[in-house]
Protein backbone atom coordinates (compact mmCIF):
# COMPACT_ATOMS: atom_id res chain seq x y z
CA MET A 1 -1.29 12.11 7.18
CA LYS A 2 -4.17 11.22 9.49
CA ARG A 3 -6.46 11.08 6.43
CA THR A 4 -4.02 8.66 4.77
CA ILE A 5 -4.12 6.31 7.68
CA ALA A 6 -7.84 6.48 7.99
CA THR A 7 -8.25 5.89 4.34
CA ALA A 8 -5.98 2.86 4.49
CA LEU A 9 -7.87 1.31 7.42
CA VAL A 10 -11.22 1.77 5.65
CA ALA A 11 -9.90 0.39 2.37
CA VAL A 12 -8.39 -2.70 4.15
CA ALA A 13 -11.77 -3.42 5.74
CA ALA A 14 -13.48 -3.26 2.29
CA LEU A 15 -10.67 -4.76 0.28
CA THR A 16 -12.17 -6.11 -2.92
CA GLY A 17 -12.00 -5.74 -6.65
CA ALA A 18 -8.88 -4.55 -8.42
CA ALA A 19 -6.41 -5.03 -5.60
CA ASN A 20 -7.44 -8.69 -5.23
CA ALA A 21 -7.59 -9.19 -9.02
CA MET A 22 -3.99 -8.16 -9.55
CA THR A 23 -1.31 -10.83 -9.40
CA SER A 24 0.80 -10.94 -6.34
CA ASP A 25 3.94 -9.88 -8.34
CA ALA A 26 2.14 -6.80 -9.74
CA ARG A 27 0.98 -5.82 -6.32
CA LEU A 28 4.37 -6.17 -4.82
CA ALA A 29 5.98 -4.23 -7.73
CA GLN A 30 3.72 -1.27 -6.99
CA ILE A 31 4.80 -1.25 -3.35
CA GLN A 32 8.44 -1.68 -4.35
CA ALA A 33 8.20 1.44 -6.57
CA TYR A 34 7.51 3.51 -3.38
CA ALA A 35 9.98 1.70 -1.21
CA PRO A 36 12.77 0.30 -3.43
CA ASN A 37 14.88 -1.28 -0.60
CA ALA A 38 12.01 -2.86 1.29
CA ASP A 39 11.56 -6.62 1.70
CA VAL A 40 8.07 -6.74 0.24
CA GLN A 41 8.05 -10.55 0.08
CA SER A 42 7.47 -10.76 3.84
CA LEU A 43 4.31 -8.54 3.80
CA THR A 44 1.00 -10.07 4.70
CA ASN A 45 -2.07 -9.81 2.53
CA ALA A 46 -3.56 -7.23 4.96
CA GLU A 47 -0.37 -5.20 4.82
CA ILE A 48 -0.29 -5.26 1.08
CA GLY A 49 -3.93 -4.14 1.00
CA THR A 50 -3.16 -1.23 3.29
CA LEU A 51 -0.20 -0.13 1.24
CA LEU A 52 -2.09 -0.40 -2.03
CA SER A 53 -4.86 1.65 -0.61
CA VAL A 54 -2.49 4.40 0.31
CA ILE A 55 -0.74 4.21 -3.11
CA HIS A 56 -4.10 4.54 -4.88
CA SER A 57 -5.30 7.33 -2.54
CA GLY A 58 -5.67 11.00 -3.57
CA ASP A 59 -2.59 12.04 -1.40
CA THR A 60 0.47 13.56 -2.89
CA GLU A 61 3.18 11.32 -4.22
CA SER A 62 5.45 12.60 -1.43
CA GLU A 63 2.94 11.60 1.32
CA LYS A 64 2.33 8.23 -0.29
CA ARG A 65 6.11 7.52 -0.50
CA GLY A 66 6.67 8.63 3.11
CA PHE A 67 3.83 6.38 4.42
CA VAL A 68 4.87 3.37 2.44
CA GLN A 69 8.53 3.71 3.50
CA ALA A 70 7.62 4.27 7.10
CA PHE A 71 5.23 1.29 7.06
CA VAL A 72 7.71 -1.22 5.62
CA ASN A 73 10.73 -0.16 7.71
């Protein structure tokens, strides 16, 4: 889990490319898939970047889901 957080922080600092190129709706839909009941509309761009970094990391789906749900709640 520490690796996940570190990866997310590094990715936010270097946020470019695909995450920025996606539409806002597509980015939020990816987050919503990991936290279905979350209010993703209120997330900041930095928070969205962090969550997308975790979602696209090499961690297990279970770890990703747990991090995203803990982050948005």
